[in-house]
Amino acid sequence: MRNPYVELFALPGTRGLVLAGVLARIPLPMAGIGIITMLAQLRGSYALAGAVSAAFVLTYALLSPQISRWVDQYGQRRVLPVASAISVAGLGLLIAGSHWPAADWTLFAGALLAGCMPSMSAMVRARWTAIYRGQPRLQTAYSLETVLDEVAFIAGPPLSVGVSVVIWPQAGLLVAALLLALGTAALVVQRGTEPPAAGQGGGADRSGSVIRLAEVRLLALLLLAMGVIVGTVDIVSVAFAGQMGQPAAASLVLSAYAFGSCLAGLLFGAVRLAMPLHRQLLTGGLATAATTMPLWLVDSIGALAGMVFIAGLFFAPTMIVAMSLIERVVPAHRLTEGMTWLLAGLNVGVALGAAASGQVVDHSGTRAGFAVGLVAGAAVLLFALWGSVRLRGRDVQAGELA
């Protein structure tokens, strides 16, 4: 039996694409926690650290779709170096503003500039789409990218925290800046896999953002709700492990969630389902919602790890299906922006889930914190059902902006 992941690298340039993508995507999960770790050590204020980190995350969520829209219009090699340079400058301002005690506004200014970081995951997915559009290998490529996203979010935060605590408080952000510059350079020099720019012939794209498409909004809201579940699991698992007197066991729980998602993503990329995508979306949404319900009942670290492992099994496949649908919904020359809206929704959801569940845990305890995940699971099911109905009964082609 042939290995679909081996076949994925049959064309020249694909191995370099993956390597550049790995380097370029790690700075995002490193930056947010790096800001918190740095400022908590140097300023002694978690409130300030959280506010500056939130400014970075929200700026990234708002700007990354616009940056991707410019990428679709003018090409990756023209836009990515500029956007990455601004982000690196912002990270540099954060490092300088914390090293030489400056006014708090300089930290927020640095966070806003750092938020210009492009969505590198979307850039790499767009390149895979240009290579394998309309072929079964595209699902395998999306599966690989989803797994690599998981790996980045597993490895990035501990790397950032580790170097910040052991070497230098600003080291996490410094490493993130270096990796962003290196990853961007490694990506843009690979001309052979770059998607063609829609605006090479001149003239701006006046059709408006693809978020105006109802299908894009539905899929972005779906991933936002899925992100809330992730953020809830992150925060409440830490609180639950602490309540059980085993704070270090939180890492076991979170690793189980990530392992389940990575395993399912790899397996999903190796199979070819006959089920239409809109039904796969509904099935994934139903399973995702169902797996949030047992979290309310767990009474031990082992049970929680088992439940989140099962929940993780449905996260990656549902995200892969959403990415496959966005590739069919949006016009081909707007794909990077469409994917970025979904990834931005996911990141905003993680931040909202962490914030909301943290508040609930503080006021009502850890078990109540899982209620945020239950609500988000219901929202996932609602959006999956709505999206399935909207996409059912017709061949999903590139949409036209209303």
Protein backbone atom coordinates (compact mmCIF):
# COMPACT_ATOMS: atom_id res chain seq x y z
CA MET A 1 0.00 0.00 0.00
CA ARG A 2 1.36 3.35 -1.00
CA ASN A 3 1.99 5.96 1.68
CA PRO A 4 0.09 9.17 0.75
CA TYR A 5 2.55 11.29 2.73
CA VAL A 6 5.47 9.94 0.72
CA GLU A 7 3.58 10.69 -2.50
CA LEU A 8 2.97 14.22 -1.25
CA PHE A 9 6.68 14.99 -1.63
CA ALA A 10 7.00 13.57 -5.14
CA LEU A 11 7.19 17.02 -6.73
CA PRO A 12 10.29 19.22 -6.41
CA GLY A 13 10.15 22.04 -3.87
CA THR A 14 7.68 20.37 -1.52
CA ARG A 15 10.26 19.38 1.10
CA GLY A 16 11.65 22.89 1.28
CA LEU A 17 8.11 24.22 1.53
CA VAL A 18 7.43 22.16 4.65
CA LEU A 19 10.72 23.14 6.28
CA ALA A 20 10.14 26.86 5.66
CA GLY A 21 6.58 26.53 6.93
CA VAL A 22 7.71 24.88 10.16
CA LEU A 23 10.18 27.68 10.87
CA ALA A 24 7.73 30.44 9.96
CA ARG A 25 4.72 29.25 11.97
CA ILE A 26 6.44 28.72 15.35
CA PRO A 27 6.82 32.49 16.13
CA LEU A 28 3.06 32.98 16.51
CA PRO A 29 2.56 30.65 19.51
CA MET A 30 5.92 31.79 20.91
CA ALA A 31 5.10 35.50 20.85
CA GLY A 32 1.96 35.64 23.00
CA ILE A 33 3.33 33.56 25.86
CA GLY A 34 6.75 35.18 25.41
CA ILE A 35 5.24 38.60 26.10
CA ILE A 36 3.54 37.32 29.26
CA THR A 37 6.65 35.55 30.55
CA MET A 38 8.91 38.53 29.84
CA LEU A 39 6.71 41.19 31.42
CA ALA A 40 5.76 39.05 34.39
CA GLN A 41 9.47 38.71 35.24
CA LEU A 42 10.51 42.28 34.52
CA ARG A 43 7.44 44.32 35.46
CA GLY A 44 5.89 42.01 38.05
CA SER A 45 2.40 42.62 36.67
CA TYR A 46 0.33 39.85 35.15
CA ALA A 47 -2.38 42.40 34.36
CA LEU A 48 0.03 44.41 32.19
CA ALA A 49 1.49 41.24 30.67
CA GLY A 50 -1.95 39.90 29.79
CA ALA A 51 -3.11 43.20 28.33
CA VAL A 52 -0.04 43.58 26.09
CA SER A 53 -0.30 39.96 24.97
CA ALA A 54 -4.01 40.43 24.23
CA ALA A 55 -3.18 43.52 22.16
CA PHE A 56 -0.80 41.39 20.09
CA VAL A 57 -3.31 38.55 19.59
CA LEU A 58 -6.23 40.80 18.68
CA THR A 59 -4.11 42.88 16.29
CA TYR A 60 -2.94 39.69 14.61
CA ALA A 61 -6.53 38.45 14.29
CA LEU A 62 -7.68 41.73 12.74
CA LEU A 63 -4.73 42.38 10.43
CA SER A 64 -3.78 38.91 9.21
CA PRO A 65 -6.80 38.59 6.86
CA GLN A 66 -5.98 41.99 5.33
CA ILE A 67 -2.33 41.02 4.91
CA SER A 68 -3.45 37.79 3.24
CA ARG A 69 -5.72 39.79 0.96
CA TRP A 70 -2.70 41.84 -0.15
CA VAL A 71 -0.79 38.59 -0.63
CA ASP A 72 -3.53 37.29 -2.93
CA GLN A 73 -3.39 40.55 -4.88
CA TYR A 74 0.36 41.21 -5.09
CA GLY A 75 2.05 37.90 -4.28
CA GLN A 76 3.83 36.40 -1.28
CA ARG A 77 7.31 37.55 -2.25
CA ARG A 78 6.22 41.20 -2.34
CA VAL A 79 4.05 41.34 0.79
CA LEU A 80 5.53 38.84 3.24
CA PRO A 81 8.95 40.50 3.65
CA VAL A 82 7.32 43.86 4.43
CA ALA A 83 4.75 42.48 6.87
CA SER A 84 7.32 40.28 8.60
CA ALA A 85 9.78 43.17 8.87
CA ILE A 86 7.12 45.29 10.61
CA SER A 87 6.35 42.42 12.98
CA VAL A 88 10.04 41.85 13.74
CA ALA A 89 10.39 45.59 14.42
CA GLY A 90 7.47 45.37 16.85
CA LEU A 91 9.06 42.45 18.66
CA GLY A 92 12.27 44.46 18.80
CA LEU A 93 10.41 47.40 20.33
CA LEU A 94 8.92 45.10 22.97
CA ILE A 95 12.39 43.78 23.80
CA ALA A 96 13.89 47.26 23.98
CA GLY A 97 10.97 48.74 25.91
CA SER A 98 11.25 46.06 28.56
CA HIS A 99 15.06 46.04 28.75
CA TRP A 100 15.32 49.79 29.18
CA PRO A 101 12.24 50.51 31.33
CA ALA A 102 10.04 52.61 29.10
CA ALA A 103 6.48 53.83 29.41
CA ASP A 104 3.79 51.19 29.10
CA TRP A 105 2.52 52.71 25.87
CA THR A 106 5.73 51.68 24.12
CA LEU A 107 4.97 48.06 24.99
CA PHE A 108 1.50 48.35 23.51
CA ALA A 109 2.93 50.04 20.42
CA GLY A 110 5.36 47.15 20.03
CA ALA A 111 2.52 44.64 20.42
CA LEU A 112 0.47 46.39 17.71
CA LEU A 113 3.40 46.33 15.30
CA ALA A 114 4.22 42.71 16.15
CA GLY A 115 0.59 41.88 15.34
CA CYS A 116 1.36 42.55 11.67
CA MET A 117 2.77 38.99 11.59
CA PRO A 118 1.42 37.19 8.49
CA SER A 119 -0.57 33.97 8.79
CA MET A 120 2.19 31.64 7.67
CA SER A 121 -0.04 28.59 7.99
CA ALA A 122 -2.35 30.08 5.37
CA MET A 123 0.61 30.94 3.12
CA VAL A 124 1.84 27.35 3.10
CA ARG A 125 -1.65 25.93 2.59
CA ALA A 126 -2.13 28.26 -0.38
CA ARG A 127 1.06 26.88 -1.91
CA TRP A 128 -0.10 23.30 -1.43
CA THR A 129 -3.39 24.24 -3.08
CA ALA A 130 -1.56 25.72 -6.07
CA ILE A 131 0.39 22.46 -6.41
CA TYR A 132 -2.42 19.92 -5.91
CA ARG A 133 -5.67 21.77 -6.63
CA GLY A 134 -8.40 19.33 -7.57
CA GLN A 135 -6.34 16.26 -6.57
CA PRO A 136 -6.86 13.86 -3.63
CA ARG A 137 -3.37 14.73 -2.40
CA LEU A 138 -4.64 18.15 -1.35
CA GLN A 139 -6.52 16.66 1.61
CA THR A 140 -3.31 14.91 2.65
CA ALA A 141 -1.46 18.22 2.44
CA TYR A 142 -4.12 19.97 4.56
CA SER A 143 -3.89 17.13 7.08
CA LEU A 144 -0.13 17.49 7.29
CA GLU A 145 -0.44 21.25 7.79
CA THR A 146 -3.00 20.83 10.56
CA VAL A 147 -0.68 18.40 12.36
CA LEU A 148 2.25 20.81 11.94
CA ASP A 149 0.09 23.60 13.38
CA GLU A 150 -0.56 21.40 16.40
CA VAL A 151 3.14 20.64 16.76
CA ALA A 152 3.97 24.36 16.58
CA PHE A 153 1.48 25.15 19.33
CA ILE A 154 2.84 22.28 21.41
CA ALA A 155 6.52 23.15 20.97
CA GLY A 156 6.36 26.95 20.68
CA PRO A 157 5.13 27.98 24.16
CA PRO A 158 7.48 25.77 26.20
CA LEU A 159 10.40 26.83 24.01
CA SER A 160 9.54 30.49 24.55
CA VAL A 161 9.04 30.10 28.29
CA GLY A 162 12.14 27.94 28.68
CA VAL A 163 14.60 30.33 27.05
CA SER A 164 12.97 33.32 28.77
CA VAL A 165 13.31 31.81 32.22
CA VAL A 166 16.67 30.10 31.82
CA ILE A 167 18.61 32.45 29.54
CA TRP A 168 17.15 35.96 29.41
CA PRO A 169 13.61 37.35 29.94
CA GLN A 170 13.52 38.72 26.39
CA ALA A 171 14.97 35.56 24.81
CA GLY A 172 11.57 34.11 23.87
CA LEU A 173 10.66 37.12 21.77
CA LEU A 174 14.17 37.32 20.32
CA VAL A 175 14.02 33.70 19.14
CA ALA A 176 10.52 34.31 17.73
CA ALA A 177 11.79 37.33 15.76
CA LEU A 178 14.75 35.40 14.38
CA LEU A 179 12.60 32.42 13.36
CA LEU A 180 10.05 34.70 11.70
CA ALA A 181 12.75 36.44 9.65
CA LEU A 182 14.42 33.14 8.73
CA GLY A 183 11.16 31.35 7.92
CA THR A 184 9.88 34.21 5.78
CA ALA A 185 13.14 34.37 3.84
CA ALA A 186 13.15 30.60 3.33
CA LEU A 187 9.58 30.74 2.02
CA VAL A 188 9.78 33.68 -0.37
CA VAL A 189 12.94 32.43 -2.11
CA GLN A 190 10.98 29.36 -3.20
CA ARG A 191 9.45 30.82 -6.34
CA GLY A 192 8.40 27.48 -7.85
CA THR A 193 5.58 26.82 -5.37
CA GLU A 194 4.31 30.39 -4.99
CA PRO A 195 0.68 30.87 -6.10
CA PRO A 196 0.20 33.42 -8.89
CA ALA A 197 -0.81 36.90 -7.74
CA ALA A 198 -4.19 38.13 -8.91
CA GLY A 199 -3.00 41.73 -9.33
CA GLN A 200 0.12 41.17 -11.39
CA GLY A 201 -1.55 42.87 -14.32
CA GLY A 202 -2.23 46.00 -12.25
CA GLY A 203 -5.33 47.38 -10.63
CA ALA A 204 -6.59 46.81 -7.14
CA ASP A 205 -9.10 44.16 -6.24
CA ARG A 206 -12.31 46.09 -5.60
CA SER A 207 -14.59 43.12 -4.92
CA GLY A 208 -14.34 43.41 -1.15
CA SER A 209 -13.30 40.95 1.51
CA VAL A 210 -14.29 37.30 1.21
CA ILE A 211 -15.74 37.54 4.73
CA ARG A 212 -18.79 38.95 2.92
CA LEU A 213 -19.49 35.41 1.72
CA ALA A 214 -21.94 33.73 4.09
CA GLU A 215 -20.09 30.41 3.82
CA VAL A 216 -16.84 32.02 4.90
CA ARG A 217 -18.53 33.65 7.88
CA LEU A 218 -20.08 30.33 8.91
CA LEU A 219 -16.80 28.44 8.70
CA ALA A 220 -14.93 31.22 10.53
CA LEU A 221 -17.54 31.16 13.32
CA LEU A 222 -17.27 27.37 13.44
CA LEU A 223 -13.50 27.56 14.00
CA LEU A 224 -13.96 30.39 16.51
CA ALA A 225 -16.25 28.12 18.55
CA MET A 226 -13.73 25.27 18.23
CA GLY A 227 -11.04 27.65 19.45
CA VAL A 228 -13.13 28.46 22.53
CA ILE A 229 -13.12 24.74 23.35
CA VAL A 230 -9.32 24.62 23.02
CA GLY A 231 -8.88 27.69 25.23
CA THR A 232 -11.25 26.23 27.81
CA VAL A 233 -9.43 22.89 27.90
CA ASP A 234 -6.09 24.70 28.32
CA ILE A 235 -7.15 26.83 31.28
CA VAL A 236 -9.52 24.45 33.08
CA SER A 237 -7.11 21.51 32.78
CA VAL A 238 -4.44 23.52 34.57
CA ALA A 239 -6.93 24.57 37.26
CA PHE A 240 -8.30 21.03 37.63
CA ALA A 241 -4.82 19.53 38.00
CA GLY A 242 -4.01 22.11 40.66
CA GLN A 243 -7.24 21.37 42.50
CA MET A 244 -6.39 17.65 42.50
CA GLY A 245 -2.99 18.44 44.00
CA GLN A 246 -1.12 17.39 40.86
CA PRO A 247 -0.31 20.64 39.02
CA ALA A 248 2.39 19.02 36.87
CA ALA A 249 -0.21 16.57 35.51
CA ALA A 250 -1.75 19.40 33.47
CA SER A 251 0.97 18.84 30.91
CA LEU A 252 -0.19 15.21 30.58
CA VAL A 253 -3.76 16.31 29.92
CA LEU A 254 -2.79 18.90 27.33
CA SER A 255 -0.41 16.47 25.66
CA ALA A 256 -3.22 13.92 25.41
CA TYR A 257 -5.42 16.49 23.66
CA ALA A 258 -2.69 17.44 21.21
CA PHE A 259 -1.72 13.80 20.59
CA GLY A 260 -5.31 12.85 19.81
CA SER A 261 -5.62 15.70 17.33
CA CYS A 262 -2.28 14.95 15.65
CA LEU A 263 -3.05 11.23 15.38
CA ALA A 264 -6.48 11.85 13.89
CA GLY A 265 -5.09 14.44 11.48
CA LEU A 266 -2.48 12.03 10.12
CA LEU A 267 -5.01 9.21 9.75
CA PHE A 268 -7.58 11.47 8.13
CA GLY A 269 -5.03 12.56 5.53
CA ALA A 270 -4.31 8.94 4.65
CA VAL A 271 -7.91 7.93 3.86
CA ARG A 272 -10.35 8.89 1.14
CA LEU A 273 -13.93 9.16 2.37
CA ALA A 274 -16.81 8.84 -0.05
CA MET A 275 -18.96 11.03 2.19
CA PRO A 276 -19.58 14.55 0.76
CA LEU A 277 -17.75 17.36 2.50
CA HIS A 278 -20.89 18.98 3.88
CA ARG A 279 -21.79 15.72 5.63
CA GLN A 280 -18.24 15.36 6.93
CA LEU A 281 -18.59 18.86 8.37
CA LEU A 282 -21.83 17.96 10.14
CA THR A 283 -20.39 14.69 11.44
CA GLY A 284 -17.30 16.47 12.76
CA GLY A 285 -19.40 19.18 14.40
CA LEU A 286 -21.68 16.62 16.05
CA ALA A 287 -18.72 14.60 17.36
CA THR A 288 -16.95 17.73 18.60
CA ALA A 289 -20.04 18.85 20.48
CA ALA A 290 -20.64 15.39 21.93
CA THR A 291 -17.10 15.07 23.28
CA THR A 292 -17.45 18.25 25.36
CA MET A 293 -20.27 16.75 27.43
CA PRO A 294 -18.25 14.16 29.45
CA LEU A 295 -15.79 16.86 30.53
CA TRP A 296 -18.43 18.05 32.99
CA LEU A 297 -18.36 14.65 34.73
CA VAL A 298 -14.63 13.90 35.11
CA ASP A 299 -13.36 13.31 38.62
CA SER A 300 -9.69 12.38 38.09
CA ILE A 301 -6.66 13.37 36.04
CA GLY A 302 -6.75 10.05 34.18
CA ALA A 303 -10.40 10.48 33.23
CA LEU A 304 -9.79 14.03 32.07
CA ALA A 305 -6.80 12.96 29.96
CA GLY A 306 -8.88 10.20 28.38
CA MET A 307 -11.77 12.52 27.61
CA VAL A 308 -9.65 15.25 26.05
CA PHE A 309 -7.78 12.62 24.00
CA ILE A 310 -11.12 11.53 22.51
CA ALA A 311 -12.10 15.17 21.99
CA GLY A 312 -8.82 15.78 20.18
CA LEU A 313 -9.56 12.94 17.76
CA PHE A 314 -12.29 15.05 16.15
CA PHE A 315 -10.58 18.45 16.23
CA ALA A 316 -8.08 18.03 13.39
CA PRO A 317 -10.48 16.26 10.95
CA THR A 318 -13.13 18.93 11.43
CA MET A 319 -10.58 21.66 10.80
CA ILE A 320 -9.28 19.86 7.70
CA VAL A 321 -12.81 19.59 6.30
CA ALA A 322 -13.37 23.31 6.95
CA MET A 323 -10.17 24.13 5.05
CA SER A 324 -11.22 21.87 2.19
CA LEU A 325 -14.58 23.63 2.02
CA ILE A 326 -13.03 27.10 2.02
CA GLU A 327 -10.89 26.04 -0.95
CA ARG A 328 -14.11 25.32 -2.86
CA VAL A 329 -16.13 28.28 -1.59
CA VAL A 330 -13.85 31.23 -2.28
CA PRO A 331 -12.47 32.30 -5.66
CA ALA A 332 -9.09 30.71 -6.35
CA HIS A 333 -7.29 34.07 -6.32
CA ARG A 334 -8.69 34.86 -2.84
CA LEU A 335 -7.81 31.57 -1.16
CA THR A 336 -5.11 32.87 1.20
CA GLU A 337 -7.47 35.46 2.65
CA GLY A 338 -10.24 32.90 3.05
CA MET A 339 -8.00 30.49 4.93
CA THR A 340 -6.66 33.29 7.10
CA TRP A 341 -10.16 34.25 8.23
CA LEU A 342 -10.62 30.69 9.48
CA LEU A 343 -7.25 30.64 11.26
CA ALA A 344 -7.91 34.09 12.74
CA GLY A 345 -11.26 32.86 14.03
CA LEU A 346 -9.54 29.89 15.65
CA ASN A 347 -6.95 32.09 17.38
CA VAL A 348 -9.57 34.56 18.62
CA GLY A 349 -11.62 31.64 19.91
CA VAL A 350 -8.67 30.26 21.89
CA ALA A 351 -8.12 33.67 23.49
CA LEU A 352 -11.82 34.13 24.28
CA GLY A 353 -12.14 30.60 25.65
CA ALA A 354 -9.16 31.06 27.95
CA ALA A 355 -10.43 34.42 29.19
CA ALA A 356 -14.03 33.30 29.72
CA SER A 357 -13.21 29.98 31.37
CA GLY A 358 -10.62 31.67 33.58
CA GLN A 359 -13.25 34.07 34.86
CA VAL A 360 -15.72 31.24 35.49
CA VAL A 361 -13.10 29.16 37.31
CA ASP A 362 -12.20 32.11 39.57
CA HIS A 363 -15.81 32.72 40.51
CA SER A 364 -17.43 29.27 40.41
CA GLY A 365 -14.73 26.59 40.42
CA THR A 366 -13.13 24.29 37.89
CA ARG A 367 -16.14 22.09 37.11
CA ALA A 368 -18.15 25.17 36.17
CA GLY A 369 -15.31 26.20 33.88
CA PHE A 370 -16.11 23.27 31.59
CA ALA A 371 -19.53 24.86 31.01
CA VAL A 372 -17.80 27.31 28.66
CA GLY A 373 -16.69 24.32 26.58
CA LEU A 374 -20.22 22.89 26.59
CA VAL A 375 -21.65 26.15 25.26
CA ALA A 376 -18.92 26.33 22.62
CA GLY A 377 -19.62 22.71 21.63
CA ALA A 378 -23.27 23.57 21.10
CA ALA A 379 -22.20 26.51 18.94
CA VAL A 380 -19.93 24.22 16.89
CA LEU A 381 -22.87 21.89 16.24
CA LEU A 382 -25.12 24.81 15.31
CA PHE A 383 -22.65 26.28 12.82
CA ALA A 384 -21.82 22.84 11.39
CA LEU A 385 -25.51 22.11 10.87
CA TRP A 386 -26.13 25.52 9.35
CA GLY A 387 -23.11 25.18 7.07
CA SER A 388 -24.06 21.66 6.02
CA VAL A 389 -27.56 22.76 5.08
CA ARG A 390 -26.27 25.77 3.15
CA LEU A 391 -23.71 23.72 1.21
CA ARG A 392 -25.93 20.69 0.61
CA GLY A 393 -27.51 19.97 -2.75
CA ARG A 394 -25.16 21.92 -4.92
CA ASP A 395 -21.61 21.64 -6.17
CA VAL A 396 -19.64 24.18 -4.15
CA GLN A 397 -17.77 26.39 -6.58
CA ALA A 398 -15.89 29.63 -6.14
CA GLY A 399 -18.41 32.09 -4.82
CA GLU A 400 -19.15 35.57 -6.01
CA LEU A 401 -19.07 38.43 -3.54
CA ALA A 402 -22.49 39.91 -3.02
